[in-house]
Protein backbone atom coordinates (compact mmCIF):
# COMPACT_ATOMS: atom_id res chain seq x y z
CA MET A 1 114.51 -12.81 -79.93
CA ARG A 2 111.36 -11.53 -77.73
CA GLY A 3 109.23 -14.36 -78.71
CA GLY A 4 107.24 -12.81 -81.58
CA THR A 5 103.63 -12.81 -80.66
CA LEU A 6 104.05 -13.73 -77.29
CA ARG A 7 106.15 -10.67 -76.43
CA GLN A 8 104.62 -7.64 -74.24
CA MET A 9 105.94 -4.33 -74.78
CA LYS A 10 108.44 -3.01 -72.07
CA SER A 11 107.18 0.36 -72.37
CA ARG A 12 104.40 1.34 -69.62
CA PRO A 13 101.35 -0.10 -71.36
CA SER A 14 97.73 1.16 -71.24
CA ALA A 15 95.06 -1.20 -69.85
CA ASP A 16 93.93 -1.99 -73.40
CA ALA A 17 97.54 -2.73 -74.58
CA THR A 18 98.18 -4.95 -71.84
CA ALA A 19 94.85 -6.66 -72.32
CA ARG A 20 95.73 -7.34 -76.02
CA CYS A 21 99.27 -8.16 -75.11
CA ARG A 22 97.65 -11.23 -72.67
CA LYS A 23 95.22 -12.30 -75.13
CA ARG A 24 98.16 -12.71 -77.54
CA LEU A 25 100.08 -14.63 -75.06
CA SER A 26 97.10 -16.89 -74.28
CA VAL A 27 96.77 -17.58 -78.02
CA ALA A 28 100.34 -18.52 -78.46
CA LEU A 29 100.39 -20.53 -75.45
CA CYS A 30 97.15 -22.30 -76.35
CA GLY A 31 99.43 -23.11 -79.57
CA THR A 32 101.94 -24.39 -77.64
CA GLY A 33 99.85 -26.47 -75.44
CA PHE A 34 97.98 -27.89 -78.64
CA ALA A 35 101.33 -29.30 -79.57
CA VAL A 36 102.22 -30.57 -76.38
CA GLY A 37 98.68 -31.81 -75.95
CA LEU A 38 98.74 -33.92 -79.23
CA ALA A 39 101.84 -35.35 -78.22
CA VAL A 40 100.53 -36.70 -75.25
CA ALA A 41 97.54 -37.93 -77.73
CA SER A 42 100.05 -39.49 -79.91
CA ALA A 43 102.01 -41.14 -77.26
CA ALA A 44 99.20 -43.14 -76.64
CA LEU A 45 99.24 -44.80 -80.36
CA ALA A 46 101.55 -47.74 -80.42
CA ASP A 47 100.00 -51.24 -80.53
CA PRO A 48 96.25 -51.93 -81.45
CA PRO A 49 94.03 -50.60 -78.92
CA THR A 50 93.39 -53.20 -76.15
CA SER A 51 89.74 -52.16 -75.77
CA ALA A 52 87.24 -50.74 -77.96
CA ASP A 53 86.71 -47.84 -76.44
CA LEU A 54 90.02 -46.17 -77.17
CA PRO A 55 90.44 -43.92 -80.25
CA THR A 56 92.54 -45.22 -82.91
CA LEU A 57 94.76 -42.08 -82.24
CA TRP A 58 95.32 -43.16 -78.71
CA ALA A 59 97.30 -46.19 -79.71
CA ALA A 60 100.72 -44.94 -80.34
CA LEU A 61 103.72 -44.63 -78.08
CA ALA A 62 101.96 -46.78 -75.75
CA ASN A 63 104.25 -49.45 -77.02
CA ASP A 64 103.37 -53.02 -75.74
CA SER A 65 106.49 -54.37 -77.15
CA PRO A 66 109.68 -52.68 -76.83
CA MET A 67 110.97 -54.01 -73.33
CA ARG A 68 112.01 -57.41 -74.64
CA SER A 69 115.25 -57.97 -77.15
CA SER A 70 113.42 -60.11 -79.30
CA GLU A 71 111.47 -58.05 -81.52
CA ALA A 72 112.84 -57.49 -84.99
CA ALA A 73 114.78 -54.52 -86.00
CA LYS A 74 113.29 -51.71 -87.96
CA PRO A 75 114.98 -50.77 -91.20
CA ASP A 76 117.57 -48.04 -90.86
CA PHE A 77 117.34 -45.69 -93.65
CA SER A 78 120.18 -43.18 -92.29
CA SER A 79 121.93 -43.27 -95.64
CA ASP A 80 119.09 -42.39 -97.64
CA VAL A 81 118.27 -39.39 -95.03
CA ASP A 82 121.83 -38.19 -95.63
CA ALA A 83 122.00 -38.46 -99.15
CA ARG A 84 118.83 -36.45 -99.25
CA LYS A 85 119.67 -33.67 -96.56
CA SER A 86 119.70 -29.94 -97.31
CA TYR A 87 121.72 -27.28 -95.85
CA VAL A 88 119.76 -24.76 -97.92
CA ILE A 89 116.42 -25.64 -97.32
CA PRO A 90 116.07 -25.07 -93.28
CA ALA A 91 118.21 -22.01 -93.70
CA LEU A 92 115.60 -20.38 -95.93
CA GLU A 93 112.93 -21.61 -94.04
CA ILE A 94 114.44 -20.04 -90.77
CA ILE A 95 114.59 -16.95 -92.43
CA GLY A 96 111.13 -17.23 -93.88
CA PHE A 97 109.60 -18.00 -90.56
CA GLU A 98 111.18 -14.98 -88.94
CA VAL A 99 110.25 -12.57 -92.00
CA LEU A 100 106.33 -14.04 -91.57
CA LEU A 101 106.37 -13.65 -87.72
CA ASN A 102 107.76 -10.08 -87.91
CA GLU A 103 105.13 -9.28 -90.33
CA ILE A 104 102.36 -10.56 -88.36
CA ASN A 105 103.74 -8.49 -85.24
CA ARG A 106 103.83 -5.24 -86.93
CA HIS A 107 100.09 -5.73 -87.84
CA SER A 108 99.01 -6.76 -84.41
CA GLY A 109 98.50 -4.64 -81.39
CA ASP A 110 101.70 -2.80 -79.95
CA SER A 111 103.85 -3.10 -83.32
CA GLY A 112 106.71 -0.33 -82.18
CA ASP A 113 109.36 -3.00 -81.24
CA TYR A 114 109.16 -5.03 -84.65
CA LYS A 115 109.50 -1.95 -87.01
CA SER A 116 113.20 -2.91 -87.67
CA ASN A 117 115.28 -1.76 -90.74
CA LEU A 118 118.31 -1.48 -92.16
CA SER A 119 119.45 1.22 -89.71
CA THR A 120 118.10 -0.80 -86.61
CA ILE A 121 119.94 -3.62 -87.68
CA ARG A 122 123.39 -1.70 -87.94
CA HIS A 123 122.46 -0.41 -84.67
CA ASN A 124 121.96 -3.76 -83.11
CA LEU A 125 125.15 -5.15 -84.49
CA HIS A 126 127.13 -2.64 -82.75
CA SER A 127 125.24 -2.70 -79.30
CA SER A 128 126.16 -4.77 -76.35
CA TRP A 129 123.64 -7.76 -75.63
CA VAL A 130 121.51 -7.13 -72.49
CA VAL A 131 119.08 -8.76 -70.43
CA ASP A 132 115.61 -7.90 -71.10
CA SER A 133 112.57 -8.20 -68.59
CA ASP A 134 109.64 -9.33 -70.86
CA PRO A 135 107.12 -11.39 -69.15
CA PHE A 136 108.22 -14.51 -67.60
CA ARG A 137 106.21 -16.84 -70.11
CA THR A 138 107.21 -15.17 -72.78
CA ASN A 139 110.95 -15.37 -72.16
CA GLN A 140 111.17 -19.08 -70.59
CA LEU A 141 108.42 -20.95 -72.54
CA GLY A 142 107.65 -19.15 -75.63
CA HIS A 143 111.06 -18.71 -76.74
CA PRO A 144 112.34 -22.18 -76.48
CA TYR A 145 109.24 -23.52 -78.22
CA GLN A 146 110.20 -21.16 -81.04
CA GLY A 147 113.77 -22.16 -80.91
CA SER A 148 112.39 -25.59 -81.16
CA MET A 149 110.95 -24.81 -84.46
CA TYR A 150 114.38 -23.60 -85.85
CA HIS A 151 115.82 -26.91 -84.82
CA SER A 152 113.25 -29.13 -86.19
CA PHE A 153 113.34 -27.33 -89.47
CA ALA A 154 116.80 -28.46 -89.73
CA ARG A 155 116.36 -31.87 -88.39
CA SER A 156 113.54 -32.92 -90.39
CA ALA A 157 115.77 -31.64 -93.53
CA GLY A 158 118.21 -34.37 -92.76
CA LEU A 159 120.94 -32.34 -90.71
CA SER A 160 122.70 -34.08 -87.59
CA TYR A 161 121.49 -32.72 -84.09
CA TRP A 162 124.91 -30.42 -83.75
CA GLU A 163 124.27 -29.17 -87.24
CA SER A 164 120.84 -28.59 -86.11
CA LEU A 165 121.80 -26.79 -83.04
CA ALA A 166 124.06 -24.51 -85.02
CA TYR A 167 121.19 -23.58 -87.07
CA THR A 168 118.89 -22.99 -84.20
CA PHE A 169 121.76 -20.71 -82.27
CA ALA A 170 122.03 -18.63 -85.63
CA GLY A 171 118.34 -18.33 -86.09
CA SER A 172 117.90 -17.10 -82.72
CA ALA A 173 120.69 -14.56 -83.06
CA LEU A 174 119.28 -13.45 -86.15
CA TRP A 175 115.88 -12.45 -84.71
CA GLU A 176 117.57 -10.63 -81.89
CA ILE A 177 119.57 -8.28 -84.35
CA ALA A 178 117.17 -7.82 -87.11
CA GLY A 179 113.74 -9.19 -85.90
CA GLU A 180 113.12 -6.53 -83.39
CA ASN A 181 114.77 -2.85 -83.08
CA THR A 182 115.53 -3.44 -79.63
CA PRO A 183 118.94 -4.54 -78.31
CA PRO A 184 119.74 -8.02 -78.41
CA SER A 185 119.13 -10.18 -75.50
CA ARG A 186 121.46 -12.77 -74.27
CA ASN A 187 118.89 -14.36 -71.96
CA ASP A 188 116.63 -15.12 -75.28
CA GLN A 189 119.41 -16.31 -77.11
CA VAL A 190 120.02 -19.03 -74.32
CA ALA A 191 116.41 -19.68 -73.94
CA SER A 192 115.95 -20.01 -77.81
CA GLY A 193 119.24 -20.84 -79.13
CA ILE A 194 120.05 -23.47 -76.64
CA GLY A 195 117.16 -24.56 -74.63
CA GLY A 196 115.24 -24.87 -78.03
CA THR A 197 117.57 -27.42 -79.35
CA PHE A 198 116.83 -29.60 -76.13
CA LEU A 199 113.23 -29.42 -76.47
CA GLY A 200 113.20 -29.47 -80.36
CA GLU A 201 115.02 -32.67 -80.42
CA VAL A 202 112.66 -34.29 -77.95
CA LEU A 203 109.80 -33.15 -79.96
CA PHE A 204 111.26 -34.40 -83.29
CA ARG A 205 111.98 -37.77 -81.82
CA ILE A 206 108.56 -38.15 -80.69
CA SER A 207 107.25 -37.12 -84.01
CA ASN A 208 109.26 -39.80 -85.50
CA LEU A 209 108.16 -42.57 -83.43
CA VAL A 210 104.46 -41.80 -84.39
CA LEU A 211 105.92 -42.06 -88.19
CA GLU A 212 107.36 -45.65 -87.28
CA HIS A 213 104.03 -46.93 -86.52
CA ASP A 214 102.77 -48.86 -89.47
CA ASN A 215 99.31 -49.88 -87.54
CA ILE A 216 98.15 -46.37 -87.77
CA PRO A 217 96.64 -45.09 -90.97
CA PRO A 218 98.85 -42.84 -92.94
CA LEU A 219 96.77 -39.93 -92.66
CA TRP A 220 96.86 -39.75 -88.69
CA ARG A 221 100.41 -40.81 -88.63
CA GLU A 222 101.04 -37.67 -90.56
CA LEU A 223 98.62 -35.59 -88.59
CA GLY A 224 99.81 -36.88 -85.19
CA ALA A 225 103.49 -36.28 -86.37
CA ALA A 226 102.81 -32.66 -87.50
CA ALA A 227 101.05 -32.04 -84.05
CA VAL A 228 103.80 -32.82 -82.06
CA SER A 229 106.56 -31.13 -84.30
CA PRO A 230 104.83 -28.76 -86.79
CA ALA A 231 108.25 -27.97 -88.53
CA THR A 232 108.77 -31.58 -89.37
CA GLY A 233 105.16 -31.71 -90.70
CA PHE A 234 105.73 -28.91 -92.73
CA ASN A 235 108.96 -30.33 -94.51
CA ARG A 236 106.96 -33.72 -95.22
CA LEU A 237 104.32 -32.00 -96.83
CA ALA A 238 106.08 -29.32 -98.67
CA PHE A 239 108.94 -31.41 -100.26
CA GLY A 240 107.17 -34.76 -100.69
CA ASP A 241 109.36 -37.71 -101.02
CA ARG A 242 112.66 -35.92 -100.36
CA PHE A 243 112.06 -35.66 -96.58
CA LYS A 244 109.68 -38.69 -96.28
CA THR A 245 112.15 -41.14 -95.12
CA VAL A 246 111.76 -41.61 -91.06
CA PHE A 247 114.47 -40.80 -88.88
CA ALA A 248 115.96 -44.11 -87.68
CA SER A 249 115.25 -44.75 -83.95
CA HIS A 250 117.22 -47.89 -83.71
CA ASP A 251 114.28 -49.31 -81.83
CA PRO A 252 114.74 -47.86 -78.24
CA VAL A 253 112.92 -49.15 -75.44
CA TYR A 254 110.66 -46.32 -74.08
CA TYR A 255 107.98 -46.01 -71.41
CA SER A 256 105.28 -43.37 -71.41
CA ARG A 257 102.49 -42.39 -68.92
CA LEU A 258 99.51 -40.31 -68.84
CA GLN A 259 97.96 -38.90 -65.72
CA ILE A 260 94.20 -37.42 -65.64
CA GLY A 261 92.98 -36.38 -62.47
CA PHE A 262 92.88 -33.85 -59.43
CA SER A 263 94.91 -32.30 -56.53
CA GLY A 264 94.14 -30.50 -53.56
CA SER A 265 96.26 -28.30 -51.44
CA ALA A 266 98.41 -29.72 -48.42
CA GLN A 267 100.43 -26.81 -48.00
CA ASN A 268 100.21 -23.00 -49.36
CA GLU A 269 102.59 -20.33 -48.32
CA ALA A 270 102.06 -17.42 -51.19
CA GLY A 271 104.82 -15.35 -49.71
CA THR A 272 105.14 -12.19 -52.11
CA SER A 273 102.87 -13.43 -54.63
CA THR A 274 99.32 -11.76 -55.12
CA THR A 275 98.04 -14.72 -56.64
CA LYS A 276 94.65 -15.90 -54.92
CA LEU A 277 95.57 -19.72 -54.67
CA LYS A 278 93.05 -22.30 -56.04
CA ARG A 279 93.31 -25.10 -53.48
CA ASN A 280 91.77 -27.41 -56.11
CA GLU A 281 92.93 -28.30 -59.56
CA ALA A 282 92.39 -30.74 -62.44
CA LEU A 283 95.65 -31.75 -64.00
CA VAL A 284 96.76 -33.73 -67.16
CA ASP A 285 100.23 -34.99 -66.99
CA TYR A 286 102.04 -36.62 -69.68
CA SER A 287 105.63 -38.34 -69.37
CA MET A 288 108.07 -40.40 -71.52
CA GLU A 289 111.19 -41.93 -70.84
CA TYR A 290 113.03 -42.77 -74.03
CA GLY A 291 116.17 -45.06 -74.84
CA LEU A 292 116.12 -46.88 -71.40
CA PRO A 293 119.50 -48.83 -70.68
CA GLY A 294 119.77 -52.57 -70.93
CA LYS A 295 118.50 -53.31 -74.46
CA PRO A 296 121.08 -55.43 -76.05
CA GLY A 297 122.46 -53.93 -79.38
CA TYR A 298 121.30 -50.44 -78.63
CA THR A 299 123.77 -47.74 -78.83
CA TYR A 300 123.97 -44.27 -77.31
CA ALA A 301 126.11 -42.76 -80.37
CA ARG A 302 123.94 -39.94 -81.04
CA PRO A 303 122.68 -36.95 -78.50
CA PHE A 304 119.34 -37.85 -77.05
CA ASP A 305 119.64 -41.54 -77.70
CA TYR A 306 118.26 -41.39 -74.10
CA PHE A 307 115.86 -38.34 -72.95
CA THR A 308 112.88 -37.92 -70.95
CA PHE A 309 110.04 -35.58 -71.40
CA GLN A 310 107.29 -34.43 -69.19
CA ALA A 311 104.41 -31.72 -69.40
CA THR A 312 101.57 -31.21 -67.19
CA ALA A 313 98.76 -28.72 -67.67
CA SER A 314 96.76 -27.38 -64.64
CA SER A 315 93.28 -25.77 -64.78
CA ALA A 316 94.65 -23.16 -62.16
CA ASN A 317 97.58 -21.91 -63.84
CA GLY A 318 97.63 -23.41 -67.47
CA ALA A 319 101.44 -24.89 -68.10
CA GLU A 320 102.28 -26.11 -64.74
CA ASN A 321 105.61 -27.71 -66.16
CA LEU A 322 107.58 -28.54 -69.22
CA MET A 323 110.82 -30.55 -68.82
CA THR A 324 113.05 -32.57 -70.67
CA ARG A 325 116.44 -34.02 -70.37
CA GLY A 326 118.64 -35.74 -72.85
CA LEU A 327 122.26 -37.52 -72.96
CA LEU A 328 124.13 -35.35 -75.44
CA ILE A 329 127.64 -37.30 -75.25
CA GLY A 330 127.63 -40.62 -73.25
CA LYS A 331 128.17 -44.44 -73.14
CA ASP A 332 126.42 -47.62 -71.83
CA TYR A 333 127.95 -49.57 -69.19
CA GLU A 334 127.26 -52.63 -67.03
CA SER A 335 128.14 -54.05 -63.73
CA GLY A 336 127.66 -57.69 -63.17
CA ALA A 337 124.48 -59.63 -64.38
CA ASN A 338 121.97 -57.37 -63.01
CA TYR A 339 122.90 -53.57 -63.49
CA ARG A 340 122.79 -51.51 -66.87
CA GLY A 341 123.15 -47.95 -67.32
CA VAL A 342 124.32 -45.13 -69.36
CA TRP A 343 126.70 -41.79 -68.07
CA GLY A 344 127.88 -38.81 -69.70
CA LEU A 345 126.86 -35.17 -70.29
CA TYR A 346 123.32 -34.53 -70.19
CA GLY A 347 121.28 -31.20 -71.53
CA SER A 348 118.19 -30.06 -69.97
CA TYR A 349 115.61 -27.52 -70.35
CA ASP A 350 113.18 -26.98 -67.40
CA TYR A 351 109.95 -24.82 -67.16
CA ILE A 352 108.15 -25.30 -63.75
CA ALA A 353 105.43 -23.05 -62.50
CA PRO A 354 103.29 -23.88 -59.45
CA GLN A 355 100.66 -21.10 -58.26
CA THR A 356 103.09 -19.17 -56.05
CA PHE A 357 106.42 -18.83 -58.39
CA ARG A 358 108.07 -19.95 -61.60
CA VAL A 359 111.31 -21.08 -62.19
CA SER A 360 113.00 -22.00 -65.55
CA SER A 361 116.64 -23.29 -66.11
CA THR A 362 118.63 -24.43 -69.41
CA ALA A 363 121.66 -26.59 -68.24
CA LEU A 364 124.51 -29.02 -68.82
CA SER A 365 124.92 -31.83 -66.21
CA LEU A 366 127.06 -34.66 -65.61
CA GLY A 367 125.45 -38.03 -64.45
CA THR A 368 124.09 -41.60 -64.94
CA THR A 369 120.91 -43.34 -65.82
CA GLY A 370 120.52 -47.16 -65.14
CA GLN A 371 118.30 -49.98 -63.88
CA LEU A 372 119.18 -52.76 -61.24
CA TRP A 373 117.08 -55.95 -61.16
CA LEU A 374 116.78 -56.84 -57.40
CA SER A 375 114.72 -60.16 -57.92
CA ASP A 376 112.95 -61.94 -60.79
CA SER A 377 110.10 -59.44 -60.50
CA ILE A 378 111.38 -56.21 -58.63
CA ALA A 379 113.68 -53.60 -60.46
CA VAL A 380 114.84 -50.18 -59.69
CA GLN A 381 115.70 -47.41 -62.28
CA GLY A 382 117.08 -43.97 -61.59
CA THR A 383 118.89 -41.12 -62.79
CA ALA A 384 121.19 -38.66 -60.81
CA LEU A 385 122.75 -35.69 -62.18
CA SER A 386 124.38 -32.59 -61.02
CA GLY A 387 125.18 -29.66 -63.33
CA VAL A 388 124.98 -25.57 -63.72
CA GLY A 389 122.64 -23.98 -65.56
CA TYR A 390 121.40 -20.23 -66.68
CA ALA A 391 118.11 -19.91 -64.60
CA ALA A 392 115.46 -17.46 -64.28
CA VAL A 393 113.17 -17.33 -61.15
CA GLY A 394 110.48 -14.92 -59.86
CA THR A 395 107.18 -14.44 -58.32
CA THR A 396 103.95 -15.27 -59.80
CA ARG A 397 101.83 -12.59 -60.28
CA SER A 398 103.64 -9.87 -57.95
CA ILE A 399 102.95 -6.15 -58.42
CA ALA A 400 105.27 -6.23 -61.77
CA GLU A 401 104.74 -8.79 -64.19
CA ASN A 402 108.53 -8.76 -65.04
CA ASP A 403 109.39 -9.33 -61.21
CA TYR A 404 112.08 -12.16 -61.89
CA HIS A 405 115.69 -12.31 -62.51
CA TYR A 406 118.31 -14.49 -63.75
CA GLY A 407 121.60 -16.31 -62.71
CA LEU A 408 123.88 -19.02 -62.86
CA ALA A 409 122.16 -21.88 -61.20
CA PRO A 410 124.09 -24.99 -59.78
CA GLN A 411 121.36 -27.72 -59.70
CA ALA A 412 120.83 -31.36 -58.83
CA LEU A 413 118.19 -34.37 -59.60
CA VAL A 414 117.65 -37.60 -58.37
CA ALA A 415 115.12 -39.77 -59.81
CA LEU A 416 113.92 -43.22 -58.84
CA ARG A 417 111.61 -45.94 -59.72
CA LEU A 418 110.81 -49.03 -57.98
CA ILE A 419 108.94 -51.47 -60.13
CA LEU A 420 106.95 -54.15 -58.21
CA GLY A 421 106.34 -56.80 -60.91
CA GLU A 422 103.80 -56.11 -63.03
CA ARG A 423 101.05 -54.72 -60.34
CA ALA A 424 102.81 -51.23 -58.87
CA SER A 425 105.47 -48.72 -59.13
CA LEU A 426 106.83 -46.10 -56.69
CA ASP A 427 108.30 -43.21 -58.38
CA LEU A 428 110.26 -40.50 -56.67
CA THR A 429 111.93 -37.29 -58.53
CA GLY A 430 113.57 -34.56 -56.50
CA ARG A 431 115.24 -31.41 -58.11
CA GLU A 432 117.23 -28.63 -56.47
CA TYR A 433 118.30 -25.19 -58.14
CA PHE A 434 120.29 -22.58 -56.64
CA VAL A 435 119.84 -19.41 -58.61
CA SER A 436 122.95 -17.23 -57.80
CA ARG A 437 123.69 -13.59 -58.31
CA VAL A 438 126.18 -14.42 -60.82
CA GLY A 439 125.61 -13.35 -64.24
CA THR A 440 122.70 -10.91 -63.56
CA PRO A 441 122.46 -7.41 -63.38
CA SER A 442 120.02 -7.49 -60.73
CA ARG A 443 120.12 -6.33 -57.18
CA GLY A 444 122.09 -9.18 -55.82
CA GLY A 445 120.84 -12.23 -53.65
CA HIS A 446 119.67 -15.66 -54.25
CA ASP A 447 117.31 -18.01 -54.70
CA ASN A 448 116.84 -22.01 -53.42
CA ILE A 449 114.13 -23.81 -54.91
CA THR A 450 113.28 -27.57 -54.30
CA ARG A 451 110.74 -29.67 -56.08
CA LEU A 452 109.74 -33.12 -54.79
CA ASP A 453 107.24 -35.37 -56.83
CA ALA A 454 106.22 -38.72 -55.60
CA SER A 455 103.50 -41.20 -56.97
CA PHE A 456 102.56 -44.72 -56.19
CA THR A 457 100.72 -46.41 -59.28
CA VAL A 458 98.66 -49.53 -59.13
CA ARG A 459 97.88 -51.20 -62.39
CA VAL A 460 93.94 -52.44 -62.12
CA TYR A 461 93.53 -53.64 -65.53
CA GLN A 462 95.83 -54.28 -68.35
CA ARG A 463 97.09 -50.74 -69.08
CA HIS A 464 94.72 -48.95 -66.86
CA GLY A 465 95.86 -47.73 -63.38
CA VAL A 466 95.20 -45.53 -60.40
CA ALA A 467 97.95 -43.59 -58.94
CA LEU A 468 98.13 -41.10 -55.71
CA ARG A 469 100.38 -38.28 -56.14
CA TYR A 470 102.20 -35.69 -53.67
CA LEU A 471 104.05 -32.86 -55.50
CA LEU A 472 105.81 -30.36 -53.31
CA ASN A 473 107.27 -26.91 -54.60
CA ARG A 474 109.28 -24.77 -52.16
CA ARG A 475 111.50 -21.59 -52.91
CA ASP A 476 113.69 -19.77 -50.39
CA THR A 477 114.96 -16.42 -51.26
CA PHE A 478 117.46 -13.69 -49.85
CA PHE A 479 117.68 -10.23 -51.08
CA PRO A 480 119.13 -7.36 -49.41
CA ASP A 481 116.51 -4.99 -49.85
CA VAL A 482 113.81 -7.35 -49.11
CA GLY A 483 115.48 -10.06 -46.71
CA ASP A 484 114.49 -13.54 -46.13
CA SER A 485 111.36 -14.98 -47.71
CA SER A 486 109.66 -18.41 -48.71
CA GLN A 487 106.81 -19.72 -50.72
CA THR A 488 105.38 -23.04 -50.69
CA ARG A 489 102.76 -25.35 -52.33
CA GLY A 490 102.19 -28.90 -51.52
CA THR A 491 99.52 -30.59 -53.07
CA ILE A 492 98.03 -34.25 -52.72
CA GLY A 493 96.22 -35.70 -56.10
CA ILE A 494 94.49 -38.88 -57.16
CA PHE A 495 94.80 -39.80 -60.96
CA TYR A 496 93.32 -42.19 -63.59
CA THR A 497 96.63 -43.87 -65.43
CA PHE A 498 96.99 -45.02 -68.79
CA LEU A 499 100.29 -47.04 -68.93
CA GLY A 500 102.42 -47.12 -71.82
CA HIS A 501 103.35 -50.73 -70.90
CA GLU A 502 101.96 -53.29 -68.24
CA ARG A 503 105.61 -53.74 -66.88
CA PHE A 504 106.37 -50.04 -65.91
CA GLY A 505 109.17 -49.65 -68.30
CA ALA A 506 111.41 -52.39 -66.75
CA VAL A 507 113.81 -53.38 -69.29
CA ASP A 508 114.68 -57.28 -69.46
CA TRP A 509 117.90 -58.28 -70.93
CA ARG A 510 118.31 -61.67 -69.22
């Protein structure tokens, strides 16, 4: 699929057509940002607010209690969910969603690519799958979010993760063949059919965390959950009690953090980008780590029983990043009295777009996540991953909007958090992507992208803190017809931080 209303026409558009297309793109991205933004807002809501100036909707996922193993377990209604699940309803919902999307696109702006019929469907069934070159945000941000809708239709109807993945993959293929009259695209299939499940499962889990909090008024719970995962909210509203049973989270330990602040440029090397860089930008960043290892009795039998989520909005370029990773198949382990961890196969979806370039990847990696107590009050949490993905990378605002390419991408991640009692934490995350020429029809060449995110947070009062953050993004590239080039952006910022827990996520199993 080419992202429905997000799609820009491949033909040479007029200035008006381009403007209309960009307007549709902006509207769609605002919708995505609204859903993610309300995930951030919902993520505050856990226990009753600790200060009178916090709105009720800001209490939810800040979770003041899950770091200890002594809390009473929530009821497990898994058997009830399984008894009421439906294979037919989500299939019809996905088809209906695509029909509606196709009809909207047929009657808005440049509609030629959406005038599909039996003849175009037969043609696409016999066509080779291609790599398209729609705008980067369309392919790498719009498609995964649309795929997450397919996934959430199935999950909220009671299907398992793997069953929902199959529905998402089939729904994406159906759009590629029948939703448009252009040749089906394999890069869209990866982004929607696979990346969409990695994003969709995270949004589904966060949505259900909101629903689990009985201290929030029912109306706000339903609105918050629907804002995070619209397909989940639709099924709960449309089918009444049948899909009202909340997915059993099994009481994971999770830690969330909201940061609001400003960053200024420390390094700027635009390279081939025509963007006029904004030296200063306002940022809103939300992150969650769910299923932290060490809680007695918590298991990792289901995909995404451990996951991380991060989203950042920037005044300079809109969506600066949207990143998820989750444990697909894994097992917990321990070493001595002070270390607990999980290891296995992780799935990840990353979208990163500093002002100079952008990179996005859907990947599978092997790795581990764990926590080590160094003393009674100091702990280290960390993740190390190594794997391969299918990635897209390109220059921001080059002469052509579609100046980017795809390729298989070996990649690695190391993330560490040093927790200094209840007072401070030091967070370091390094990522690297090597986007090769394997699996791409482009002119050859390769890219190497590195990203370093370092922040030091001090708790000032209860869950309120202040953080200093350094963020570095660098891209080194080589193409035979261009040669070597590089792009770098480094920023230093200061942020107000609302902590999901006063202990910075340390899990105490002792």
